[in-house]
Amino acid sequence: MAEKKASDHPVAKSDEEWRKTLSPEQYRVLREHGTERAGTSPLNAEKRKGIFLCAGCGMPLFDSSTKFESGSGWPSFYPPR
């Protein structure tokens, strides 16, 4: 079975639906092209094994085994899924 891609999984929601689905911070980052301040993401300290999913569509983004410390202040991964 072929792995699904984000382009195979379009998400069409109204602005109101997005606001109901996402936290205010998620909405700002995902819908308004915002960013978190460096060093503030709770994912920096995340150590559990698994797959990181998109908060908007639920598709896989990164595998925890590819997380590394880039020194940038944001969680870093290679390669994207």
N, C-alpha and C. Protein backbone atom coordinates (compact mmCIF):
# COMPACT_ATOMS: atom_id res chain seq x y z
N MET A 1 0.83 -1.18 0.00
CA MET A 1 0.00 0.00 0.00
C MET A 1 0.88 1.25 0.00
N ALA A 2 0.61 2.19 -0.88
CA ALA A 2 1.41 3.40 -0.98
C ALA A 2 1.13 4.34 0.19
N GLU A 3 2.18 5.02 0.64
CA GLU A 3 2.03 5.97 1.74
C GLU A 3 1.26 7.20 1.26
N LYS A 4 0.34 7.67 2.10
CA LYS A 4 -0.45 8.85 1.74
C LYS A 4 0.41 10.10 1.86
N LYS A 5 0.12 11.07 1.01
CA LYS A 5 0.79 12.37 1.04
C LYS A 5 -0.25 13.42 1.37
N ALA A 6 0.22 14.58 1.85
CA ALA A 6 -0.71 15.67 2.18
C ALA A 6 -1.54 16.05 0.97
N SER A 7 -0.98 15.98 -0.22
CA SER A 7 -1.73 16.35 -1.43
C SER A 7 -2.87 15.36 -1.70
N ASP A 8 -2.79 14.15 -1.12
CA ASP A 8 -3.85 13.16 -1.26
C ASP A 8 -4.95 13.37 -0.22
N HIS A 9 -4.73 14.29 0.69
CA HIS A 9 -5.60 14.45 1.85
C HIS A 9 -5.96 15.94 2.01
N PRO A 10 -6.65 16.54 1.03
CA PRO A 10 -6.96 17.97 1.14
C PRO A 10 -7.92 18.24 2.30
N VAL A 11 -7.70 19.36 2.95
CA VAL A 11 -8.55 19.76 4.07
C VAL A 11 -9.18 21.10 3.70
N ALA A 12 -10.49 21.11 3.62
CA ALA A 12 -11.22 22.34 3.29
C ALA A 12 -12.13 22.66 4.46
N LYS A 13 -11.79 23.73 5.19
CA LYS A 13 -12.58 24.17 6.33
C LYS A 13 -12.74 25.68 6.23
N SER A 14 -13.84 26.16 6.76
CA SER A 14 -14.03 27.61 6.84
C SER A 14 -13.12 28.15 7.94
N ASP A 15 -12.93 29.46 7.92
CA ASP A 15 -12.12 30.09 8.95
C ASP A 15 -12.70 29.78 10.34
N GLU A 16 -14.00 29.81 10.45
CA GLU A 16 -14.67 29.51 11.73
C GLU A 16 -14.37 28.08 12.18
N GLU A 17 -14.42 27.13 11.24
CA GLU A 17 -14.11 25.73 11.58
C GLU A 17 -12.66 25.58 12.04
N TRP A 18 -11.73 26.27 11.35
CA TRP A 18 -10.32 26.21 11.76
C TRP A 18 -10.17 26.75 13.18
N ARG A 19 -10.83 27.86 13.48
CA ARG A 19 -10.72 28.46 14.81
C ARG A 19 -11.28 27.55 15.90
N LYS A 20 -12.29 26.76 15.57
CA LYS A 20 -12.86 25.81 16.53
C LYS A 20 -11.94 24.61 16.72
N THR A 21 -11.25 24.21 15.66
CA THR A 21 -10.40 23.02 15.67
C THR A 21 -9.04 23.26 16.30
N LEU A 22 -8.45 24.43 16.07
CA LEU A 22 -7.08 24.72 16.49
C LEU A 22 -7.07 25.63 17.72
N SER A 23 -6.01 25.51 18.51
CA SER A 23 -5.80 26.47 19.60
C SER A 23 -5.44 27.82 18.96
N PRO A 24 -5.54 28.91 19.71
CA PRO A 24 -5.16 30.21 19.14
C PRO A 24 -3.73 30.22 18.59
N GLU A 25 -2.79 29.59 19.30
CA GLU A 25 -1.40 29.55 18.82
C GLU A 25 -1.28 28.70 17.55
N GLN A 26 -1.94 27.54 17.51
CA GLN A 26 -1.92 26.71 16.31
C GLN A 26 -2.52 27.47 15.13
N TYR A 27 -3.61 28.17 15.38
CA TYR A 27 -4.26 28.94 14.31
C TYR A 27 -3.30 30.00 13.76
N ARG A 28 -2.65 30.72 14.66
CA ARG A 28 -1.71 31.77 14.23
C ARG A 28 -0.58 31.19 13.39
N VAL A 29 -0.03 30.05 13.81
CA VAL A 29 1.09 29.44 13.09
C VAL A 29 0.63 28.80 11.77
N LEU A 30 -0.44 28.01 11.84
CA LEU A 30 -0.87 27.25 10.65
C LEU A 30 -1.67 28.06 9.64
N ARG A 31 -2.47 28.99 10.09
CA ARG A 31 -3.36 29.71 9.17
C ARG A 31 -2.89 31.12 8.85
N GLU A 32 -2.07 31.71 9.73
CA GLU A 32 -1.61 33.08 9.51
C GLU A 32 -0.11 33.14 9.26
N HIS A 33 0.52 31.99 9.03
CA HIS A 33 1.95 31.90 8.71
C HIS A 33 2.82 32.48 9.82
N GLY A 34 2.35 32.37 11.07
CA GLY A 34 3.14 32.84 12.21
C GLY A 34 4.21 31.84 12.58
N THR A 35 4.95 32.14 13.61
CA THR A 35 5.96 31.23 14.12
C THR A 35 6.04 31.37 15.63
N GLU A 36 6.53 30.34 16.28
CA GLU A 36 6.76 30.39 17.72
C GLU A 36 8.08 31.10 17.95
N ARG A 37 8.20 31.74 19.10
CA ARG A 37 9.51 32.31 19.45
C ARG A 37 10.47 31.16 19.69
N ALA A 38 11.71 31.36 19.28
CA ALA A 38 12.75 30.33 19.48
C ALA A 38 12.83 29.94 20.94
N GLY A 39 12.92 28.63 21.19
CA GLY A 39 13.08 28.10 22.53
C GLY A 39 11.80 27.96 23.33
N THR A 40 10.64 28.28 22.74
CA THR A 40 9.39 28.23 23.50
C THR A 40 8.53 27.01 23.19
N SER A 41 8.87 26.23 22.19
CA SER A 41 8.03 25.09 21.81
C SER A 41 8.15 23.97 22.82
N PRO A 42 7.00 23.43 23.28
CA PRO A 42 7.05 22.28 24.17
C PRO A 42 7.65 21.05 23.47
N LEU A 43 7.70 21.06 22.15
CA LEU A 43 8.29 19.94 21.42
C LEU A 43 9.80 19.87 21.59
N ASN A 44 10.42 20.97 22.03
CA ASN A 44 11.87 20.94 22.27
C ASN A 44 12.23 19.88 23.32
N ALA A 45 11.38 19.72 24.32
CA ALA A 45 11.65 18.77 25.41
C ALA A 45 10.98 17.42 25.19
N GLU A 46 10.27 17.25 24.09
CA GLU A 46 9.55 16.00 23.82
C GLU A 46 10.54 14.88 23.53
N LYS A 47 10.43 13.79 24.30
CA LYS A 47 11.36 12.65 24.15
C LYS A 47 10.66 11.35 23.81
N ARG A 48 9.32 11.35 23.76
CA ARG A 48 8.61 10.10 23.46
C ARG A 48 8.86 9.67 22.02
N LYS A 49 8.81 8.35 21.79
CA LYS A 49 8.98 7.80 20.46
C LYS A 49 7.64 7.82 19.74
N GLY A 50 7.69 8.07 18.44
CA GLY A 50 6.46 8.05 17.65
C GLY A 50 6.54 8.98 16.46
N ILE A 51 5.38 9.24 15.91
CA ILE A 51 5.26 10.08 14.72
C ILE A 51 4.59 11.40 15.12
N PHE A 52 5.17 12.51 14.69
CA PHE A 52 4.58 13.82 14.90
C PHE A 52 3.58 14.06 13.77
N LEU A 53 2.37 14.46 14.12
CA LEU A 53 1.30 14.68 13.14
C LEU A 53 1.01 16.17 12.98
N CYS A 54 0.50 16.53 11.83
CA CYS A 54 0.08 17.90 11.56
C CYS A 54 -1.16 18.21 12.40
N ALA A 55 -1.16 19.34 13.10
CA ALA A 55 -2.31 19.73 13.92
C ALA A 55 -3.51 20.11 13.06
N GLY A 56 -3.28 20.44 11.80
CA GLY A 56 -4.36 20.83 10.93
C GLY A 56 -5.07 19.67 10.24
N CYS A 57 -4.29 18.73 9.71
CA CYS A 57 -4.90 17.65 8.92
C CYS A 57 -4.68 16.26 9.50
N GLY A 58 -3.78 16.14 10.48
CA GLY A 58 -3.53 14.84 11.10
C GLY A 58 -2.58 13.94 10.33
N MET A 59 -2.04 14.42 9.22
CA MET A 59 -1.10 13.61 8.44
C MET A 59 0.26 13.55 9.14
N PRO A 60 1.01 12.45 8.96
CA PRO A 60 2.34 12.33 9.56
C PRO A 60 3.30 13.39 9.01
N LEU A 61 4.09 13.97 9.90
CA LEU A 61 5.09 14.96 9.49
C LEU A 61 6.51 14.46 9.68
N PHE A 62 6.83 14.02 10.92
CA PHE A 62 8.18 13.62 11.25
C PHE A 62 8.16 12.43 12.18
N ASP A 63 9.20 11.61 12.11
CA ASP A 63 9.39 10.49 13.01
C ASP A 63 10.31 10.96 14.13
N SER A 64 9.98 10.62 15.37
CA SER A 64 10.79 11.06 16.52
C SER A 64 12.25 10.61 16.41
N SER A 65 12.50 9.53 15.70
CA SER A 65 13.88 9.04 15.58
C SER A 65 14.74 9.97 14.72
N THR A 66 14.11 10.90 14.01
CA THR A 66 14.88 11.83 13.17
C THR A 66 15.03 13.21 13.82
N LYS A 67 14.61 13.34 15.08
CA LYS A 67 14.73 14.62 15.78
C LYS A 67 16.18 14.83 16.19
N PHE A 68 16.67 16.07 16.03
CA PHE A 68 18.04 16.38 16.43
C PHE A 68 18.10 17.81 16.96
N GLU A 69 19.15 18.10 17.71
CA GLU A 69 19.35 19.43 18.27
C GLU A 69 20.13 20.28 17.27
N SER A 70 19.44 21.23 16.65
CA SER A 70 20.06 22.07 15.63
C SER A 70 20.67 23.33 16.22
N GLY A 71 20.31 23.64 17.48
CA GLY A 71 20.79 24.87 18.08
C GLY A 71 20.01 26.10 17.64
N SER A 72 18.92 25.87 16.88
CA SER A 72 18.13 26.98 16.34
C SER A 72 17.07 27.48 17.31
N GLY A 73 16.73 26.67 18.33
CA GLY A 73 15.66 27.03 19.25
C GLY A 73 14.33 26.42 18.87
N TRP A 74 14.28 25.72 17.75
CA TRP A 74 13.07 25.03 17.31
C TRP A 74 13.37 23.54 17.17
N PRO A 75 12.37 22.69 17.38
CA PRO A 75 12.61 21.26 17.16
C PRO A 75 13.01 21.04 15.69
N SER A 76 13.99 20.21 15.48
CA SER A 76 14.46 19.94 14.12
C SER A 76 14.40 18.46 13.82
N PHE A 77 14.06 18.15 12.58
CA PHE A 77 13.90 16.77 12.15
C PHE A 77 14.47 16.60 10.75
N TYR A 78 14.82 15.36 10.39
CA TYR A 78 15.19 15.03 9.02
C TYR A 78 14.66 13.67 8.72
N PRO A 79 14.43 13.26 7.56
CA PRO A 79 13.81 14.08 6.52
C PRO A 79 12.32 14.20 6.81
N PRO A 80 11.63 15.17 6.22
CA PRO A 80 10.18 15.20 6.41
C PRO A 80 9.57 13.95 5.80
N ARG A 81 8.42 13.53 6.30
CA ARG A 81 7.73 12.34 5.80
C ARG A 81 7.06 12.62 4.49
